[in-house]
mmCIF file of all heavy atoms, coordinates in Angstrom:
data_MODEL
# 
_entry.id   MODEL 
# 
loop_
_atom_site.group_PDB 
_atom_site.id 
_atom_site.type_symbol 
_atom_site.label_atom_id 
_atom_site.label_alt_id 
_atom_site.label_comp_id 
_atom_site.label_asym_id 
_atom_site.label_entity_id 
_atom_site.label_seq_id 
_atom_site.pdbx_PDB_ins_code 
_atom_site.Cartn_x 
_atom_site.Cartn_y 
_atom_site.Cartn_z 
_atom_site.occupancy 
_atom_site.B_iso_or_equiv 
_atom_site.pdbx_formal_charge 
_atom_site.auth_seq_id 
_atom_site.auth_comp_id 
_atom_site.auth_asym_id 
_atom_site.auth_atom_id 
_atom_site.pdbx_PDB_model_num 
ATOM 1   N N   . ALA A 1 1  ? 86.634  90.357  90.383  1.00 0.00 ? 1  ALA A N   1 
ATOM 2   C CA  . ALA A 1 1  ? 85.411  90.020  91.105  1.00 0.00 ? 1  ALA A CA  1 
ATOM 3   C C   . ALA A 1 1  ? 84.249  89.845  90.143  1.00 0.00 ? 1  ALA A C   1 
ATOM 4   O O   . ALA A 1 1  ? 84.101  90.611  89.185  1.00 0.00 ? 1  ALA A O   1 
ATOM 5   C CB  . ALA A 1 1  ? 85.084  91.114  92.112  1.00 0.00 ? 1  ALA A CB  1 
ATOM 6   N N   . SER A 1 2  ? 83.445  88.842  90.403  1.00 0.00 ? 2  SER A N   1 
ATOM 7   C CA  . SER A 1 2  ? 82.240  88.631  89.601  1.00 0.00 ? 2  SER A CA  1 
ATOM 8   C C   . SER A 1 2  ? 81.101  89.473  90.157  1.00 0.00 ? 2  SER A C   1 
ATOM 9   O O   . SER A 1 2  ? 81.194  90.002  91.264  1.00 0.00 ? 2  SER A O   1 
ATOM 10  C CB  . SER A 1 2  ? 81.839  87.164  89.622  1.00 0.00 ? 2  SER A CB  1 
ATOM 11  O OG  . SER A 1 2  ? 81.471  86.788  90.939  1.00 0.00 ? 2  SER A OG  1 
ATOM 12  N N   . GLY A 1 3  ? 80.039  89.579  89.400  1.00 0.00 ? 3  GLY A N   1 
ATOM 13  C CA  . GLY A 1 3  ? 78.869  90.278  89.902  1.00 0.00 ? 3  GLY A CA  1 
ATOM 14  C C   . GLY A 1 3  ? 78.853  91.750  89.542  1.00 0.00 ? 3  GLY A C   1 
ATOM 15  O O   . GLY A 1 3  ? 79.877  92.330  89.178  1.00 0.00 ? 3  GLY A O   1 
ATOM 16  N N   . ARG A 1 4  ? 77.686  92.349  89.690  1.00 0.00 ? 4  ARG A N   1 
ATOM 17  C CA  . ARG A 1 4  ? 77.506  93.732  89.283  1.00 0.00 ? 4  ARG A CA  1 
ATOM 18  C C   . ARG A 1 4  ? 77.509  94.702  90.455  1.00 0.00 ? 4  ARG A C   1 
ATOM 19  O O   . ARG A 1 4  ? 77.246  95.873  90.288  1.00 0.00 ? 4  ARG A O   1 
ATOM 20  C CB  . ARG A 1 4  ? 76.185  93.871  88.522  1.00 0.00 ? 4  ARG A CB  1 
ATOM 21  C CG  . ARG A 1 4  ? 76.201  93.174  87.169  1.00 0.00 ? 4  ARG A CG  1 
ATOM 22  C CD  . ARG A 1 4  ? 74.858  93.271  86.492  1.00 0.00 ? 4  ARG A CD  1 
ATOM 23  N NE  . ARG A 1 4  ? 73.868  92.416  87.149  1.00 0.00 ? 4  ARG A NE  1 
ATOM 24  C CZ  . ARG A 1 4  ? 72.614  92.293  86.739  1.00 0.00 ? 4  ARG A CZ  1 
ATOM 25  N NH1 . ARG A 1 4  ? 72.186  92.995  85.704  1.00 0.00 ? 4  ARG A NH1 1 
ATOM 26  N NH2 . ARG A 1 4  ? 71.774  91.497  87.372  1.00 0.00 ? 4  ARG A NH2 1 
ATOM 27  N N   . THR A 1 5  ? 77.816  94.196  91.659  1.00 0.00 ? 5  THR A N   1 
ATOM 28  C CA  . THR A 1 5  ? 77.794  95.062  92.833  1.00 0.00 ? 5  THR A CA  1 
ATOM 29  C C   . THR A 1 5  ? 79.179  95.209  93.442  1.00 0.00 ? 5  THR A C   1 
ATOM 30  O O   . THR A 1 5  ? 79.321  95.405  94.638  1.00 0.00 ? 5  THR A O   1 
ATOM 31  C CB  . THR A 1 5  ? 76.824  94.486  93.881  1.00 0.00 ? 5  THR A CB  1 
ATOM 32  O OG1 . THR A 1 5  ? 77.252  93.165  94.234  1.00 0.00 ? 5  THR A OG1 1 
ATOM 33  C CG2 . THR A 1 5  ? 75.409  94.464  93.357  1.00 0.00 ? 5  THR A CG2 1 
ATOM 34  N N   . PHE A 1 6  ? 80.195  95.131  92.622  1.00 0.00 ? 6  PHE A N   1 
ATOM 35  C CA  . PHE A 1 6  ? 81.583  95.216  93.104  1.00 0.00 ? 6  PHE A CA  1 
ATOM 36  C C   . PHE A 1 6  ? 81.806  96.466  93.931  1.00 0.00 ? 6  PHE A C   1 
ATOM 37  O O   . PHE A 1 6  ? 82.499  96.433  94.952  1.00 0.00 ? 6  PHE A O   1 
ATOM 38  C CB  . PHE A 1 6  ? 82.526  95.194  91.895  1.00 0.00 ? 6  PHE A CB  1 
ATOM 39  C CG  . PHE A 1 6  ? 83.968  95.441  92.241  1.00 0.00 ? 6  PHE A CG  1 
ATOM 40  C CD1 . PHE A 1 6  ? 84.701  94.491  92.921  1.00 0.00 ? 6  PHE A CD1 1 
ATOM 41  C CD2 . PHE A 1 6  ? 84.602  96.628  91.869  1.00 0.00 ? 6  PHE A CD2 1 
ATOM 42  C CE1 . PHE A 1 6  ? 86.035  94.694  93.232  1.00 0.00 ? 6  PHE A CE1 1 
ATOM 43  C CE2 . PHE A 1 6  ? 85.922  96.848  92.170  1.00 0.00 ? 6  PHE A CE2 1 
ATOM 44  C CZ  . PHE A 1 6  ? 86.648  95.875  92.851  1.00 0.00 ? 6  PHE A CZ  1 
ATOM 45  N N   . SER A 1 7  ? 81.227  97.563  93.526  1.00 0.00 ? 7  SER A N   1 
ATOM 46  C CA  . SER A 1 7  ? 81.461  98.836  94.207  1.00 0.00 ? 7  SER A CA  1 
ATOM 47  C C   . SER A 1 7  ? 80.876  98.864  95.612  1.00 0.00 ? 7  SER A C   1 
ATOM 48  O O   . SER A 1 7  ? 81.188  99.761  96.391  1.00 0.00 ? 7  SER A O   1 
ATOM 49  C CB  . SER A 1 7  ? 80.885  99.988  93.390  1.00 0.00 ? 7  SER A CB  1 
ATOM 50  O OG  . SER A 1 7  ? 79.490  99.819  93.229  1.00 0.00 ? 7  SER A OG  1 
ATOM 51  N N   . SER A 1 8  ? 80.047  97.892  95.958  1.00 0.00 ? 8  SER A N   1 
ATOM 52  C CA  . SER A 1 8  ? 79.433  97.878  97.283  1.00 0.00 ? 8  SER A CA  1 
ATOM 53  C C   . SER A 1 8  ? 80.247  97.083  98.302  1.00 0.00 ? 8  SER A C   1 
ATOM 54  O O   . SER A 1 8  ? 79.836  96.957  99.459  1.00 0.00 ? 8  SER A O   1 
ATOM 55  C CB  . SER A 1 8  ? 78.019  97.294  97.199  1.00 0.00 ? 8  SER A CB  1 
ATOM 56  O OG  . SER A 1 8  ? 78.064  95.934  96.827  1.00 0.00 ? 8  SER A OG  1 
ATOM 57  N N   . TYR A 1 9  ? 81.393  96.569  97.892  1.00 0.00 ? 9  TYR A N   1 
ATOM 58  C CA  . TYR A 1 9  ? 82.213  95.742  98.777  1.00 0.00 ? 9  TYR A CA  1 
ATOM 59  C C   . TYR A 1 9  ? 83.466  96.471  99.234  1.00 0.00 ? 9  TYR A C   1 
ATOM 60  O O   . TYR A 1 9  ? 84.151  97.128  98.428  1.00 0.00 ? 9  TYR A O   1 
ATOM 61  C CB  . TYR A 1 9  ? 82.636  94.454  98.075  1.00 0.00 ? 9  TYR A CB  1 
ATOM 62  C CG  . TYR A 1 9  ? 81.494  93.482  97.844  1.00 0.00 ? 9  TYR A CG  1 
ATOM 63  C CD1 . TYR A 1 9  ? 80.751  93.538  96.676  1.00 0.00 ? 9  TYR A CD1 1 
ATOM 64  C CD2 . TYR A 1 9  ? 81.175  92.528  98.790  1.00 0.00 ? 9  TYR A CD2 1 
ATOM 65  C CE1 . TYR A 1 9  ? 79.707  92.651  96.459  1.00 0.00 ? 9  TYR A CE1 1 
ATOM 66  C CE2 . TYR A 1 9  ? 80.141  91.634  98.580  1.00 0.00 ? 9  TYR A CE2 1 
ATOM 67  C CZ  . TYR A 1 9  ? 79.404  91.698  97.420  1.00 0.00 ? 9  TYR A CZ  1 
ATOM 68  O OH  . TYR A 1 9  ? 78.374  90.825  97.211  1.00 0.00 ? 9  TYR A OH  1 
ATOM 69  N N   . VAL A 1 10 ? 83.759  96.314  100.509 1.00 0.00 ? 10 VAL A N   1 
ATOM 70  C CA  . VAL A 1 10 ? 85.087  96.665  101.008 1.00 0.00 ? 10 VAL A CA  1 
ATOM 71  C C   . VAL A 1 10 ? 86.016  95.533  100.572 1.00 0.00 ? 10 VAL A C   1 
ATOM 72  O O   . VAL A 1 10 ? 85.687  94.366  100.724 1.00 0.00 ? 10 VAL A O   1 
ATOM 73  C CB  . VAL A 1 10 ? 85.099  96.785  102.541 1.00 0.00 ? 10 VAL A CB  1 
ATOM 74  C CG1 . VAL A 1 10 ? 86.517  96.992  103.055 1.00 0.00 ? 10 VAL A CG1 1 
ATOM 75  C CG2 . VAL A 1 10 ? 84.182  97.909  102.995 1.00 0.00 ? 10 VAL A CG2 1 
ATOM 76  N N   . MET A 1 11 ? 87.164  95.894  100.037 1.00 0.00 ? 11 MET A N   1 
ATOM 77  C CA  . MET A 1 11 ? 88.099  94.885  99.526  1.00 0.00 ? 11 MET A CA  1 
ATOM 78  C C   . MET A 1 11 ? 89.388  94.893  100.341 1.00 0.00 ? 11 MET A C   1 
ATOM 79  O O   . MET A 1 11 ? 89.864  95.950  100.773 1.00 0.00 ? 11 MET A O   1 
ATOM 80  C CB  . MET A 1 11 ? 88.434  95.165  98.062  1.00 0.00 ? 11 MET A CB  1 
ATOM 81  C CG  . MET A 1 11 ? 87.222  95.191  97.132  1.00 0.00 ? 11 MET A CG  1 
ATOM 82  S SD  . MET A 1 11 ? 86.335  93.620  97.090  1.00 0.00 ? 11 MET A SD  1 
ATOM 83  C CE  . MET A 1 11 ? 87.583  92.535  96.377  1.00 0.00 ? 11 MET A CE  1 
ATOM 84  N N   . GLY A 1 12 ? 89.941  93.700  100.524 1.00 0.00 ? 12 GLY A N   1 
ATOM 85  C CA  . GLY A 1 12 ? 91.170  93.597  101.294 1.00 0.00 ? 12 GLY A CA  1 
ATOM 86  C C   . GLY A 1 12 ? 92.131  92.586  100.699 1.00 0.00 ? 12 GLY A C   1 
ATOM 87  O O   . GLY A 1 12 ? 91.726  91.719  99.933  1.00 0.00 ? 12 GLY A O   1 
ATOM 88  N N   . TRP A 1 13 ? 93.385  92.744  101.038 1.00 0.00 ? 13 TRP A N   1 
ATOM 89  C CA  . TRP A 1 13 ? 94.421  91.760  100.725 1.00 0.00 ? 13 TRP A CA  1 
ATOM 90  C C   . TRP A 1 13 ? 95.006  91.261  102.041 1.00 0.00 ? 13 TRP A C   1 
ATOM 91  O O   . TRP A 1 13 ? 95.370  92.052  102.912 1.00 0.00 ? 13 TRP A O   1 
ATOM 92  C CB  . TRP A 1 13 ? 95.535  92.379  99.875  1.00 0.00 ? 13 TRP A CB  1 
ATOM 93  C CG  . TRP A 1 13 ? 95.186  92.603  98.437  1.00 0.00 ? 13 TRP A CG  1 
ATOM 94  C CD1 . TRP A 1 13 ? 94.756  93.774  97.870  1.00 0.00 ? 13 TRP A CD1 1 
ATOM 95  C CD2 . TRP A 1 13 ? 95.228  91.627  97.381  1.00 0.00 ? 13 TRP A CD2 1 
ATOM 96  N NE1 . TRP A 1 13 ? 94.536  93.583  96.520  1.00 0.00 ? 13 TRP A NE1 1 
ATOM 97  C CE2 . TRP A 1 13 ? 94.826  92.281  96.200  1.00 0.00 ? 13 TRP A CE2 1 
ATOM 98  C CE3 . TRP A 1 13 ? 95.581  90.278  97.312  1.00 0.00 ? 13 TRP A CE3 1 
ATOM 99  C CZ2 . TRP A 1 13 ? 94.752  91.636  94.973  1.00 0.00 ? 13 TRP A CZ2 1 
ATOM 100 C CZ3 . TRP A 1 13 ? 95.513  89.638  96.093  1.00 0.00 ? 13 TRP A CZ3 1 
ATOM 101 C CH2 . TRP A 1 13 ? 95.100  90.311  94.943  1.00 0.00 ? 13 TRP A CH2 1 
ATOM 102 N N   . PHE A 1 14 ? 95.084  89.954  102.146 1.00 0.00 ? 14 PHE A N   1 
ATOM 103 C CA  . PHE A 1 14 ? 95.702  89.305  103.283 1.00 0.00 ? 14 PHE A CA  1 
ATOM 104 C C   . PHE A 1 14 ? 96.788  88.378  102.759 1.00 0.00 ? 14 PHE A C   1 
ATOM 105 O O   . PHE A 1 14 ? 96.821  88.054  101.579 1.00 0.00 ? 14 PHE A O   1 
ATOM 106 C CB  . PHE A 1 14 ? 94.658  88.484  104.064 1.00 0.00 ? 14 PHE A CB  1 
ATOM 107 C CG  . PHE A 1 14 ? 93.652  89.326  104.787 1.00 0.00 ? 14 PHE A CG  1 
ATOM 108 C CD1 . PHE A 1 14 ? 92.615  89.951  104.106 1.00 0.00 ? 14 PHE A CD1 1 
ATOM 109 C CD2 . PHE A 1 14 ? 93.726  89.499  106.160 1.00 0.00 ? 14 PHE A CD2 1 
ATOM 110 C CE1 . PHE A 1 14 ? 91.685  90.741  104.765 1.00 0.00 ? 14 PHE A CE1 1 
ATOM 111 C CE2 . PHE A 1 14 ? 92.796  90.276  106.836 1.00 0.00 ? 14 PHE A CE2 1 
ATOM 112 C CZ  . PHE A 1 14 ? 91.780  90.894  106.139 1.00 0.00 ? 14 PHE A CZ  1 
ATOM 113 N N   . ARG A 1 15 ? 97.666  87.949  103.659 1.00 0.00 ? 15 ARG A N   1 
ATOM 114 C CA  . ARG A 1 15 ? 98.718  87.032  103.221 1.00 0.00 ? 15 ARG A CA  1 
ATOM 115 C C   . ARG A 1 15 ? 99.022  86.023  104.322 1.00 0.00 ? 15 ARG A C   1 
ATOM 116 O O   . ARG A 1 15 ? 98.803  86.298  105.505 1.00 0.00 ? 15 ARG A O   1 
ATOM 117 C CB  . ARG A 1 15 ? 99.984  87.794  102.838 1.00 0.00 ? 15 ARG A CB  1 
ATOM 118 C CG  . ARG A 1 15 ? 100.651 88.554  103.975 1.00 0.00 ? 15 ARG A CG  1 
ATOM 119 C CD  . ARG A 1 15 ? 101.806 89.383  103.433 1.00 0.00 ? 15 ARG A CD  1 
ATOM 120 N NE  . ARG A 1 15 ? 102.563 90.020  104.509 1.00 0.00 ? 15 ARG A NE  1 
ATOM 121 C CZ  . ARG A 1 15 ? 103.610 90.817  104.321 1.00 0.00 ? 15 ARG A CZ  1 
ATOM 122 N NH1 . ARG A 1 15 ? 104.032 91.068  103.078 1.00 0.00 ? 15 ARG A NH1 1 
ATOM 123 N NH2 . ARG A 1 15 ? 104.242 91.358  105.348 1.00 0.00 ? 15 ARG A NH2 1 
ATOM 124 N N   . GLN A 1 16 ? 99.511  84.873  103.907 1.00 0.00 ? 16 GLN A N   1 
ATOM 125 C CA  . GLN A 1 16 ? 99.864  83.831  104.858 1.00 0.00 ? 16 GLN A CA  1 
ATOM 126 C C   . GLN A 1 16 ? 101.176 83.186  104.439 1.00 0.00 ? 16 GLN A C   1 
ATOM 127 O O   . GLN A 1 16 ? 101.262 82.582  103.367 1.00 0.00 ? 16 GLN A O   1 
ATOM 128 C CB  . GLN A 1 16 ? 98.769  82.772  104.962 1.00 0.00 ? 16 GLN A CB  1 
ATOM 129 C CG  . GLN A 1 16 ? 99.021  81.754  106.060 1.00 0.00 ? 16 GLN A CG  1 
ATOM 130 C CD  . GLN A 1 16 ? 97.804  80.910  106.366 1.00 0.00 ? 16 GLN A CD  1 
ATOM 131 O OE1 . GLN A 1 16 ? 96.878  80.797  105.568 1.00 0.00 ? 16 GLN A OE1 1 
ATOM 132 N NE2 . GLN A 1 16 ? 97.785  80.306  107.542 1.00 0.00 ? 16 GLN A NE2 1 
ATOM 133 N N   . ALA A 1 17 ? 102.176 83.357  105.287 1.00 0.00 ? 17 ALA A N   1 
ATOM 134 C CA  . ALA A 1 17 ? 103.488 82.761  105.049 1.00 0.00 ? 17 ALA A CA  1 
ATOM 135 C C   . ALA A 1 17 ? 103.506 81.336  105.619 1.00 0.00 ? 17 ALA A C   1 
ATOM 136 O O   . ALA A 1 17 ? 102.718 81.021  106.522 1.00 0.00 ? 17 ALA A O   1 
ATOM 137 C CB  . ALA A 1 17 ? 104.561 83.612  105.694 1.00 0.00 ? 17 ALA A CB  1 
ATOM 138 N N   . PRO A 1 18 ? 104.398 80.481  105.137 1.00 0.00 ? 18 PRO A N   1 
ATOM 139 C CA  . PRO A 1 18 ? 104.477 79.108  105.639 1.00 0.00 ? 18 PRO A CA  1 
ATOM 140 C C   . PRO A 1 18 ? 104.683 79.072  107.152 1.00 0.00 ? 18 PRO A C   1 
ATOM 141 O O   . PRO A 1 18 ? 105.571 79.754  107.683 1.00 0.00 ? 18 PRO A O   1 
ATOM 142 C CB  . PRO A 1 18 ? 105.690 78.546  104.904 1.00 0.00 ? 18 PRO A CB  1 
ATOM 143 C CG  . PRO A 1 18 ? 105.802 79.353  103.665 1.00 0.00 ? 18 PRO A CG  1 
ATOM 144 C CD  . PRO A 1 18 ? 105.356 80.733  104.040 1.00 0.00 ? 18 PRO A CD  1 
ATOM 145 N N   . GLY A 1 19 ? 103.856 78.326  107.832 1.00 0.00 ? 19 GLY A N   1 
ATOM 146 C CA  . GLY A 1 19 ? 103.991 78.170  109.268 1.00 0.00 ? 19 GLY A CA  1 
ATOM 147 C C   . GLY A 1 19 ? 103.502 79.340  110.086 1.00 0.00 ? 19 GLY A C   1 
ATOM 148 O O   . GLY A 1 19 ? 103.677 79.357  111.307 1.00 0.00 ? 19 GLY A O   1 
ATOM 149 N N   . LYS A 1 20 ? 102.906 80.328  109.428 1.00 0.00 ? 20 LYS A N   1 
ATOM 150 C CA  . LYS A 1 20 ? 102.432 81.509  110.138 1.00 0.00 ? 20 LYS A CA  1 
ATOM 151 C C   . LYS A 1 20 ? 100.937 81.696  109.937 1.00 0.00 ? 20 LYS A C   1 
ATOM 152 O O   . LYS A 1 20 ? 100.346 81.141  109.023 1.00 0.00 ? 20 LYS A O   1 
ATOM 153 C CB  . LYS A 1 20 ? 103.183 82.751  109.667 1.00 0.00 ? 20 LYS A CB  1 
ATOM 154 C CG  . LYS A 1 20 ? 104.668 82.734  109.994 1.00 0.00 ? 20 LYS A CG  1 
ATOM 155 C CD  . LYS A 1 20 ? 105.321 84.058  109.650 1.00 0.00 ? 20 LYS A CD  1 
ATOM 156 C CE  . LYS A 1 20 ? 106.780 84.076  110.042 1.00 0.00 ? 20 LYS A CE  1 
ATOM 157 N NZ  . LYS A 1 20 ? 107.428 85.382  109.723 1.00 0.00 ? 20 LYS A NZ  1 
ATOM 158 N N   . GLU A 1 21 ? 100.345 82.507  110.789 1.00 0.00 ? 21 GLU A N   1 
ATOM 159 C CA  . GLU A 1 21 ? 98.932  82.813  110.648 1.00 0.00 ? 21 GLU A CA  1 
ATOM 160 C C   . GLU A 1 21 ? 98.723  83.833  109.532 1.00 0.00 ? 21 GLU A C   1 
ATOM 161 O O   . GLU A 1 21 ? 99.615  84.607  109.196 1.00 0.00 ? 21 GLU A O   1 
ATOM 162 C CB  . GLU A 1 21 ? 98.375  83.353  111.971 1.00 0.00 ? 21 GLU A CB  1 
ATOM 163 C CG  . GLU A 1 21 ? 98.371  82.331  113.086 1.00 0.00 ? 21 GLU A CG  1 
ATOM 164 C CD  . GLU A 1 21 ? 97.648  82.844  114.324 1.00 0.00 ? 21 GLU A CD  1 
ATOM 165 O OE1 . GLU A 1 21 ? 97.268  84.025  114.345 1.00 0.00 ? 21 GLU A OE1 1 
ATOM 166 O OE2 . GLU A 1 21 ? 97.470  82.052  115.259 1.00 0.00 ? 21 GLU A OE2 1 
ATOM 167 N N   . ARG A 1 22 ? 97.521  83.813  109.017 1.00 0.00 ? 22 ARG A N   1 
ATOM 168 C CA  . ARG A 1 22 ? 97.155  84.809  108.010 1.00 0.00 ? 22 ARG A CA  1 
ATOM 169 C C   . ARG A 1 22 ? 97.211  86.199  108.622 1.00 0.00 ? 22 ARG A C   1 
ATOM 170 O O   . ARG A 1 22 ? 96.795  86.400  109.761 1.00 0.00 ? 22 ARG A O   1 
ATOM 171 C CB  . ARG A 1 22 ? 95.746  84.516  107.501 1.00 0.00 ? 22 ARG A CB  1 
ATOM 172 C CG  . ARG A 1 22 ? 95.225  85.447  106.428 1.00 0.00 ? 22 ARG A CG  1 
ATOM 173 C CD  . ARG A 1 22 ? 93.819  85.032  106.044 1.00 0.00 ? 22 ARG A CD  1 
ATOM 174 N NE  . ARG A 1 22 ? 92.905  85.137  107.182 1.00 0.00 ? 22 ARG A NE  1 
ATOM 175 C CZ  . ARG A 1 22 ? 91.703  84.597  107.218 1.00 0.00 ? 22 ARG A CZ  1 
ATOM 176 N NH1 . ARG A 1 22 ? 91.275  83.867  106.191 1.00 0.00 ? 22 ARG A NH1 1 
ATOM 177 N NH2 . ARG A 1 22 ? 90.928  84.739  108.275 1.00 0.00 ? 22 ARG A NH2 1 
ATOM 178 N N   . GLU A 1 23 ? 97.698  87.164  107.849 1.00 0.00 ? 23 GLU A N   1 
ATOM 179 C CA  . GLU A 1 23 ? 97.782  88.529  108.353 1.00 0.00 ? 23 GLU A CA  1 
ATOM 180 C C   . GLU A 1 23 ? 97.266  89.524  107.324 1.00 0.00 ? 23 GLU A C   1 
ATOM 181 O O   . GLU A 1 23 ? 97.311  89.298  106.128 1.00 0.00 ? 23 GLU A O   1 
ATOM 182 C CB  . GLU A 1 23 ? 99.226  88.892  108.732 1.00 0.00 ? 23 GLU A CB  1 
ATOM 183 C CG  . GLU A 1 23 ? 100.194 88.929  107.573 1.00 0.00 ? 23 GLU A CG  1 
ATOM 184 C CD  . GLU A 1 23 ? 101.577 89.409  107.998 1.00 0.00 ? 23 GLU A CD  1 
ATOM 185 O OE1 . GLU A 1 23 ? 101.841 89.539  109.205 1.00 0.00 ? 23 GLU A OE1 1 
ATOM 186 O OE2 . GLU A 1 23 ? 102.405 89.652  107.101 1.00 0.00 ? 23 GLU A OE2 1 
ATOM 187 N N   . PHE A 1 24 ? 96.795  90.627  107.843 1.00 0.00 ? 24 PHE A N   1 
ATOM 188 C CA  . PHE A 1 24 ? 96.272  91.707  107.018 1.00 0.00 ? 24 PHE A CA  1 
ATOM 189 C C   . PHE A 1 24 ? 97.409  92.417  106.304 1.00 0.00 ? 24 PHE A C   1 
ATOM 190 O O   . PHE A 1 24 ? 98.480  92.635  106.878 1.00 0.00 ? 24 PHE A O   1 
ATOM 191 C CB  . PHE A 1 24 ? 95.527  92.686  107.919 1.00 0.00 ? 24 PHE A CB  1 
ATOM 192 C CG  . PHE A 1 24 ? 95.159  93.984  107.273 1.00 0.00 ? 24 PHE A CG  1 
ATOM 193 C CD1 . PHE A 1 24 ? 94.110  94.054  106.375 1.00 0.00 ? 24 PHE A CD1 1 
ATOM 194 C CD2 . PHE A 1 24 ? 95.856  95.147  107.581 1.00 0.00 ? 24 PHE A CD2 1 
ATOM 195 C CE1 . PHE A 1 24 ? 93.758  95.260  105.790 1.00 0.00 ? 24 PHE A CE1 1 
ATOM 196 C CE2 . PHE A 1 24 ? 95.516  96.356  107.010 1.00 0.00 ? 24 PHE A CE2 1 
ATOM 197 C CZ  . PHE A 1 24 ? 94.468  96.416  106.111 1.00 0.00 ? 24 PHE A CZ  1 
ATOM 198 N N   . ALA A 1 25 ? 97.175  92.781  105.046 1.00 0.00 ? 25 ALA A N   1 
ATOM 199 C CA  . ALA A 1 25 ? 98.157  93.576  104.307 1.00 0.00 ? 25 ALA A CA  1 
ATOM 200 C C   . ALA A 1 25 ? 97.607  94.955  103.954 1.00 0.00 ? 25 ALA A C   1 
ATOM 201 O O   . ALA A 1 25 ? 98.249  95.968  104.239 1.00 0.00 ? 25 ALA A O   1 
ATOM 202 C CB  . ALA A 1 25 ? 98.579  92.840  103.041 1.00 0.00 ? 25 ALA A CB  1 
ATOM 203 N N   . ALA A 1 26 ? 96.426  94.989  103.322 1.00 0.00 ? 26 ALA A N   1 
ATOM 204 C CA  . ALA A 1 26 ? 95.881  96.273  102.882 1.00 0.00 ? 26 ALA A CA  1 
ATOM 205 C C   . ALA A 1 26 ? 94.384  96.144  102.643 1.00 0.00 ? 26 ALA A C   1 
ATOM 206 O O   . ALA A 1 26 ? 93.882  95.050  102.407 1.00 0.00 ? 26 ALA A O   1 
ATOM 207 C CB  . ALA A 1 26 ? 96.567  96.736  101.600 1.00 0.00 ? 26 ALA A CB  1 
ATOM 208 N N   . SER A 1 27 ? 93.685  97.278  102.697 1.00 0.00 ? 27 SER A N   1 
ATOM 209 C CA  . SER A 1 27 ? 92.263  97.288  102.385 1.00 0.00 ? 27 SER A CA  1 
ATOM 210 C C   . SER A 1 27 ? 91.888  98.618  101.767 1.00 0.00 ? 27 SER A C   1 
ATOM 211 O O   . SER A 1 27 ? 92.616  99.616  101.891 1.00 0.00 ? 27 SER A O   1 
ATOM 212 C CB  . SER A 1 27 ? 91.408  97.015  103.625 1.00 0.00 ? 27 SER A CB  1 
ATOM 213 O OG  . SER A 1 27 ? 91.580  98.060  104.562 1.00 0.00 ? 27 SER A OG  1 
ATOM 214 N N   . ILE A 1 28 ? 90.727  98.629  101.114 1.00 0.00 ? 28 ILE A N   1 
ATOM 215 C CA  . ILE A 1 28 ? 90.253  99.827  100.444 1.00 0.00 ? 28 ILE A CA  1 
ATOM 216 C C   . ILE A 1 28 ? 88.743  99.907  100.593 1.00 0.00 ? 28 ILE A C   1 
ATOM 217 O O   . ILE A 1 28 ? 88.030  98.909  100.452 1.00 0.00 ? 28 ILE A O   1 
ATOM 218 C CB  . ILE A 1 28 ? 90.689  99.820  98.960  1.00 0.00 ? 28 ILE A CB  1 
ATOM 219 C CG1 . ILE A 1 28 ? 90.339  101.135 98.270  1.00 0.00 ? 28 ILE A CG1 1 
ATOM 220 C CG2 . ILE A 1 28 ? 90.098  98.633  98.201  1.00 0.00 ? 28 ILE A CG2 1 
ATOM 221 C CD1 . ILE A 1 28 ? 91.025  101.306 96.920  1.00 0.00 ? 28 ILE A CD1 1 
# 
């Protein structure tokens, strides 16, 4: 991540398989 305020963001990982909708995987 760019910027100096990284610690102020909630971060997440999502994924999208072929032919499927994007789905949540994990967050912190």
